[in-house]
Amino acid sequence: MAFVYAWDGILDGFAKGRNMKSHGLSAVVVIIAGWLTGLSLIEWLIIILLIGGVMALELMNTAVEYVVDLVTSEHHPLAKKAKDIAAGSVLIFALASAVIGCLIFFPKWFG
């Protein structure tokens, strides 16, 4: 039953999460680029880990937003901080993922 709840959470993240759709589209683009580029097994493992990490953090960010909105409907400085910090964690991992992606792909494309 926990798998059903988890799947419902993922679907909700894609349906209502502000950035999950763009992360999903980016993942599809990277997977196609990786397939066309001919990545090694290790490179695929890294790419899959990065995609999974960004999406997992985005789902956690969405969960934080839901919980904060549940607790308070008024604009509170701590509510803003909680949402901003959760979003910041996604941004840090997404930027690191982009850098690692460049380190994997650029030598194959331009090297």
N, C-alpha and C. Protein backbone atom coordinates (compact mmCIF):
# COMPACT_ATOMS: atom_id res chain seq x y z
N MET A 1 0.82 -1.20 0.00
CA MET A 1 0.00 0.00 0.00
C MET A 1 0.86 1.26 0.00
N ALA A 2 2.02 1.20 0.65
CA ALA A 2 2.90 2.37 0.70
C ALA A 2 3.35 2.76 -0.70
N PHE A 3 3.54 1.76 -1.58
CA PHE A 3 3.93 2.05 -2.95
C PHE A 3 2.85 2.86 -3.66
N VAL A 4 1.58 2.53 -3.40
CA VAL A 4 0.46 3.26 -4.01
C VAL A 4 0.48 4.71 -3.55
N TYR A 5 0.70 4.93 -2.26
CA TYR A 5 0.75 6.30 -1.74
C TYR A 5 1.93 7.06 -2.32
N ALA A 6 3.06 6.39 -2.42
CA ALA A 6 4.24 7.03 -3.00
C ALA A 6 3.98 7.40 -4.45
N TRP A 7 3.38 6.50 -5.20
CA TRP A 7 3.07 6.77 -6.61
C TRP A 7 2.09 7.94 -6.72
N ASP A 8 1.10 7.99 -5.82
CA ASP A 8 0.16 9.12 -5.80
C ASP A 8 0.91 10.43 -5.55
N GLY A 9 1.91 10.40 -4.69
CA GLY A 9 2.71 11.59 -4.41
C GLY A 9 3.50 12.03 -5.64
N ILE A 10 4.07 11.09 -6.35
CA ILE A 10 4.82 11.43 -7.57
C ILE A 10 3.88 12.03 -8.61
N LEU A 11 2.72 11.41 -8.80
CA LEU A 11 1.75 11.93 -9.77
C LEU A 11 1.28 13.33 -9.38
N ASP A 12 1.03 13.54 -8.08
CA ASP A 12 0.63 14.86 -7.61
C ASP A 12 1.75 15.87 -7.85
N GLY A 13 2.98 15.45 -7.62
CA GLY A 13 4.11 16.34 -7.86
C GLY A 13 4.17 16.80 -9.30
N PHE A 14 3.92 15.89 -10.24
CA PHE A 14 3.91 16.26 -11.65
C PHE A 14 2.69 17.09 -12.01
N ALA A 15 1.54 16.77 -11.40
CA ALA A 15 0.31 17.47 -11.75
C ALA A 15 0.26 18.88 -11.18
N LYS A 16 0.74 19.04 -9.96
CA LYS A 16 0.58 20.33 -9.27
C LYS A 16 1.87 21.02 -8.89
N GLY A 17 2.98 20.28 -8.89
CA GLY A 17 4.26 20.89 -8.53
C GLY A 17 4.68 21.89 -9.59
N ARG A 18 5.08 23.06 -9.16
CA ARG A 18 5.39 24.13 -10.10
C ARG A 18 6.53 23.78 -11.04
N ASN A 19 7.55 23.11 -10.54
CA ASN A 19 8.74 22.90 -11.36
C ASN A 19 8.96 21.45 -11.79
N MET A 20 8.14 20.53 -11.30
CA MET A 20 8.36 19.12 -11.59
C MET A 20 8.25 18.82 -13.09
N LYS A 21 7.34 19.47 -13.77
CA LYS A 21 7.19 19.24 -15.20
C LYS A 21 8.44 19.67 -15.96
N SER A 22 9.02 20.80 -15.58
CA SER A 22 10.24 21.25 -16.27
C SER A 22 11.41 20.33 -15.96
N HIS A 23 11.48 19.82 -14.73
CA HIS A 23 12.52 18.84 -14.40
C HIS A 23 12.32 17.55 -15.20
N GLY A 24 11.07 17.14 -15.35
CA GLY A 24 10.78 15.94 -16.13
C GLY A 24 11.16 16.11 -17.59
N LEU A 25 10.84 17.27 -18.15
CA LEU A 25 11.22 17.55 -19.54
C LEU A 25 12.74 17.57 -19.69
N SER A 26 13.42 18.20 -18.74
CA SER A 26 14.88 18.23 -18.78
C SER A 26 15.45 16.82 -18.71
N ALA A 27 14.86 15.97 -17.88
CA ALA A 27 15.31 14.59 -17.75
C ALA A 27 15.17 13.85 -19.08
N VAL A 28 14.06 14.05 -19.76
CA VAL A 28 13.84 13.40 -21.06
C VAL A 28 14.88 13.87 -22.06
N VAL A 29 15.16 15.16 -22.09
CA VAL A 29 16.16 15.72 -23.01
C VAL A 29 17.54 15.12 -22.72
N VAL A 30 17.90 15.04 -21.44
CA VAL A 30 19.20 14.49 -21.06
C VAL A 30 19.29 13.01 -21.42
N ILE A 31 18.22 12.28 -21.20
CA ILE A 31 18.22 10.84 -21.53
C ILE A 31 18.38 10.64 -23.03
N ILE A 32 17.68 11.43 -23.82
CA ILE A 32 17.82 11.34 -25.28
C ILE A 32 19.25 11.71 -25.70
N ALA A 33 19.77 12.80 -25.12
CA ALA A 33 21.14 13.21 -25.45
C ALA A 33 22.14 12.14 -25.05
N GLY A 34 21.93 11.52 -23.90
CA GLY A 34 22.82 10.45 -23.45
C GLY A 34 22.77 9.25 -24.37
N TRP A 35 21.58 8.90 -24.82
CA TRP A 35 21.43 7.77 -25.73
C TRP A 35 22.12 8.06 -27.06
N LEU A 36 21.92 9.29 -27.58
CA LEU A 36 22.54 9.66 -28.86
C LEU A 36 24.06 9.80 -28.73
N THR A 37 24.52 10.19 -27.56
CA THR A 37 25.95 10.39 -27.34
C THR A 37 26.68 9.07 -27.09
N GLY A 38 25.98 8.09 -26.57
CA GLY A 38 26.62 6.81 -26.28
C GLY A 38 27.39 6.83 -24.97
N LEU A 39 26.70 7.17 -23.90
CA LEU A 39 27.34 7.24 -22.59
C LEU A 39 27.77 5.86 -22.12
N SER A 40 28.81 5.84 -21.30
CA SER A 40 29.26 4.59 -20.68
C SER A 40 28.32 4.23 -19.53
N LEU A 41 28.48 3.03 -19.00
CA LEU A 41 27.64 2.59 -17.88
C LEU A 41 27.81 3.52 -16.68
N ILE A 42 29.03 3.86 -16.36
CA ILE A 42 29.29 4.75 -15.22
C ILE A 42 28.64 6.12 -15.44
N GLU A 43 28.75 6.63 -16.66
CA GLU A 43 28.13 7.93 -16.96
C GLU A 43 26.61 7.85 -16.83
N TRP A 44 26.02 6.74 -17.29
CA TRP A 44 24.57 6.56 -17.12
C TRP A 44 24.19 6.50 -15.65
N LEU A 45 24.98 5.80 -14.86
CA LEU A 45 24.69 5.71 -13.43
C LEU A 45 24.70 7.09 -12.78
N ILE A 46 25.66 7.90 -13.17
CA ILE A 46 25.75 9.26 -12.63
C ILE A 46 24.54 10.09 -13.07
N ILE A 47 24.21 10.02 -14.36
CA ILE A 47 23.08 10.79 -14.89
C ILE A 47 21.77 10.38 -14.21
N ILE A 48 21.56 9.07 -14.06
CA ILE A 48 20.33 8.59 -13.41
C ILE A 48 20.27 9.04 -11.96
N LEU A 49 21.40 9.00 -11.26
CA LEU A 49 21.45 9.47 -9.88
C LEU A 49 21.13 10.96 -9.80
N LEU A 50 21.67 11.74 -10.71
CA LEU A 50 21.41 13.18 -10.71
C LEU A 50 19.95 13.49 -11.01
N ILE A 51 19.39 12.82 -12.01
CA ILE A 51 17.98 13.03 -12.34
C ILE A 51 17.10 12.65 -11.15
N GLY A 52 17.38 11.50 -10.57
CA GLY A 52 16.61 11.06 -9.41
C GLY A 52 16.73 12.01 -8.24
N GLY A 53 17.94 12.53 -8.03
CA GLY A 53 18.15 13.47 -6.93
C GLY A 53 17.39 14.76 -7.10
N VAL A 54 17.44 15.32 -8.30
CA VAL A 54 16.71 16.57 -8.55
C VAL A 54 15.22 16.36 -8.37
N MET A 55 14.70 15.26 -8.92
CA MET A 55 13.26 15.02 -8.82
C MET A 55 12.83 14.72 -7.38
N ALA A 56 13.65 13.97 -6.65
CA ALA A 56 13.33 13.69 -5.25
C ALA A 56 13.34 14.98 -4.43
N LEU A 57 14.34 15.82 -4.65
CA LEU A 57 14.37 17.09 -3.91
C LEU A 57 13.21 17.99 -4.29
N GLU A 58 12.82 17.98 -5.56
CA GLU A 58 11.67 18.79 -5.97
C GLU A 58 10.39 18.29 -5.31
N LEU A 59 10.24 16.98 -5.19
CA LEU A 59 9.08 16.45 -4.47
C LEU A 59 9.10 16.86 -3.00
N MET A 60 10.29 16.83 -2.38
CA MET A 60 10.39 17.27 -0.98
C MET A 60 10.06 18.76 -0.86
N ASN A 61 10.51 19.55 -1.83
CA ASN A 61 10.21 20.97 -1.83
C ASN A 61 8.69 21.18 -1.91
N THR A 62 8.03 20.43 -2.78
CA THR A 62 6.58 20.54 -2.90
C THR A 62 5.90 20.12 -1.59
N ALA A 63 6.42 19.07 -0.94
CA ALA A 63 5.86 18.63 0.33
C ALA A 63 6.00 19.73 1.40
N VAL A 64 7.17 20.37 1.44
CA VAL A 64 7.37 21.47 2.40
C VAL A 64 6.36 22.59 2.12
N GLU A 65 6.17 22.93 0.86
CA GLU A 65 5.21 23.98 0.52
C GLU A 65 3.80 23.61 0.97
N TYR A 66 3.40 22.34 0.74
CA TYR A 66 2.08 21.90 1.19
C TYR A 66 1.93 22.00 2.70
N VAL A 67 2.94 21.54 3.42
CA VAL A 67 2.86 21.56 4.89
C VAL A 67 2.80 22.99 5.41
N VAL A 68 3.63 23.86 4.86
CA VAL A 68 3.62 25.26 5.30
C VAL A 68 2.26 25.88 5.01
N ASP A 69 1.71 25.62 3.83
CA ASP A 69 0.40 26.17 3.49
C ASP A 69 -0.70 25.60 4.38
N LEU A 70 -0.53 24.35 4.82
CA LEU A 70 -1.50 23.74 5.73
C LEU A 70 -1.46 24.41 7.10
N VAL A 71 -0.26 24.73 7.55
CA VAL A 71 -0.09 25.28 8.90
C VAL A 71 -0.54 26.74 8.98
N THR A 72 -0.27 27.52 7.95
CA THR A 72 -0.62 28.93 8.00
C THR A 72 -1.04 29.43 6.62
N SER A 73 -2.07 30.24 6.60
CA SER A 73 -2.50 30.84 5.33
C SER A 73 -2.02 32.29 5.24
N GLU A 74 -1.53 32.81 6.35
CA GLU A 74 -1.04 34.18 6.34
C GLU A 74 0.44 34.20 5.96
N HIS A 75 0.87 35.35 5.49
CA HIS A 75 2.28 35.52 5.12
C HIS A 75 3.10 35.68 6.39
N HIS A 76 3.91 34.66 6.68
CA HIS A 76 4.74 34.68 7.88
C HIS A 76 6.20 34.55 7.46
N PRO A 77 7.11 35.33 8.07
CA PRO A 77 8.52 35.27 7.68
C PRO A 77 9.13 33.87 7.78
N LEU A 78 8.75 33.10 8.80
CA LEU A 78 9.31 31.75 8.93
C LEU A 78 8.75 30.81 7.86
N ALA A 79 7.50 31.00 7.49
CA ALA A 79 6.92 30.20 6.41
C ALA A 79 7.68 30.47 5.11
N LYS A 80 7.97 31.73 4.86
CA LYS A 80 8.74 32.10 3.66
C LYS A 80 10.13 31.49 3.69
N LYS A 81 10.76 31.56 4.85
CA LYS A 81 12.11 30.98 4.98
C LYS A 81 12.09 29.47 4.71
N ALA A 82 11.12 28.77 5.27
CA ALA A 82 11.03 27.32 5.05
C ALA A 82 10.87 27.01 3.57
N LYS A 83 9.99 27.74 2.89
CA LYS A 83 9.79 27.51 1.46
C LYS A 83 11.03 27.88 0.66
N ASP A 84 11.65 29.00 0.99
CA ASP A 84 12.84 29.45 0.26
C ASP A 84 14.02 28.48 0.44
N ILE A 85 14.20 27.99 1.64
CA ILE A 85 15.30 27.06 1.90
C ILE A 85 15.06 25.74 1.16
N ALA A 86 13.84 25.24 1.18
CA ALA A 86 13.53 24.01 0.45
C ALA A 86 13.78 24.20 -1.05
N ALA A 87 13.36 25.34 -1.58
CA ALA A 87 13.59 25.63 -3.00
C ALA A 87 15.08 25.78 -3.28
N GLY A 88 15.80 26.38 -2.35
CA GLY A 88 17.25 26.54 -2.50
C GLY A 88 17.97 25.22 -2.57
N SER A 89 17.50 24.22 -1.83
CA SER A 89 18.14 22.90 -1.89
C SER A 89 18.00 22.29 -3.28
N VAL A 90 16.85 22.49 -3.90
CA VAL A 90 16.65 21.99 -5.27
C VAL A 90 17.58 22.72 -6.23
N LEU A 91 17.66 24.04 -6.07
CA LEU A 91 18.50 24.84 -6.96
C LEU A 91 19.96 24.43 -6.87
N ILE A 92 20.47 24.23 -5.66
CA ILE A 92 21.87 23.82 -5.49
C ILE A 92 22.13 22.48 -6.19
N PHE A 93 21.23 21.52 -5.98
CA PHE A 93 21.44 20.20 -6.59
C PHE A 93 21.28 20.27 -8.10
N ALA A 94 20.33 21.08 -8.59
CA ALA A 94 20.13 21.22 -10.03
C ALA A 94 21.34 21.87 -10.69
N LEU A 95 21.90 22.89 -10.05
CA LEU A 95 23.10 23.55 -10.60
C LEU A 95 24.29 22.59 -10.61
N ALA A 96 24.48 21.86 -9.52
CA ALA A 96 25.56 20.88 -9.47
C ALA A 96 25.35 19.81 -10.55
N SER A 97 24.12 19.40 -10.74
CA SER A 97 23.80 18.41 -11.77
C SER A 97 24.12 18.94 -13.16
N ALA A 98 23.81 20.20 -13.40
CA ALA A 98 24.10 20.80 -14.70
C ALA A 98 25.60 20.85 -14.95
N VAL A 99 26.37 21.20 -13.94
CA VAL A 99 27.83 21.24 -14.08
C VAL A 99 28.37 19.84 -14.37
N ILE A 100 27.90 18.86 -13.62
CA ILE A 100 28.35 17.48 -13.84
C ILE A 100 27.93 17.01 -15.23
N GLY A 101 26.72 17.36 -15.65
CA GLY A 101 26.27 17.01 -17.00
C GLY A 101 27.17 17.61 -18.06
N CYS A 102 27.57 18.86 -17.88
CA CYS A 102 28.50 19.50 -18.83
C CYS A 102 29.84 18.77 -18.84
N LEU A 103 30.32 18.37 -17.66
CA LEU A 103 31.59 17.65 -17.59
C LEU A 103 31.52 16.29 -18.27
N ILE A 104 30.34 15.69 -18.28
CA ILE A 104 30.17 14.40 -18.95
C ILE A 104 29.99 14.58 -20.45
N PHE A 105 29.13 15.51 -20.86
CA PHE A 105 28.76 15.63 -22.27
C PHE A 105 29.75 16.45 -23.11
N PHE A 106 30.23 17.56 -22.60
CA PHE A 106 31.05 18.46 -23.43
C PHE A 106 32.30 17.79 -24.02
N PRO A 107 33.05 17.01 -23.25
CA PRO A 107 34.22 16.36 -23.87
C PRO A 107 33.84 15.41 -25.02
N LYS A 108 32.66 14.81 -24.92
CA LYS A 108 32.22 13.90 -25.98
C LYS A 108 31.75 14.68 -27.21
N TRP A 109 31.20 15.85 -27.00
CA TRP A 109 30.69 16.65 -28.11
C TRP A 109 31.74 17.55 -28.75
N PHE A 110 32.60 18.10 -27.90
CA PHE A 110 33.55 19.12 -28.39
C PHE A 110 35.01 18.69 -28.30
N GLY A 111 35.25 17.48 -27.76
CA GLY A 111 36.62 17.06 -27.50
C GLY A 111 37.27 16.37 -28.57
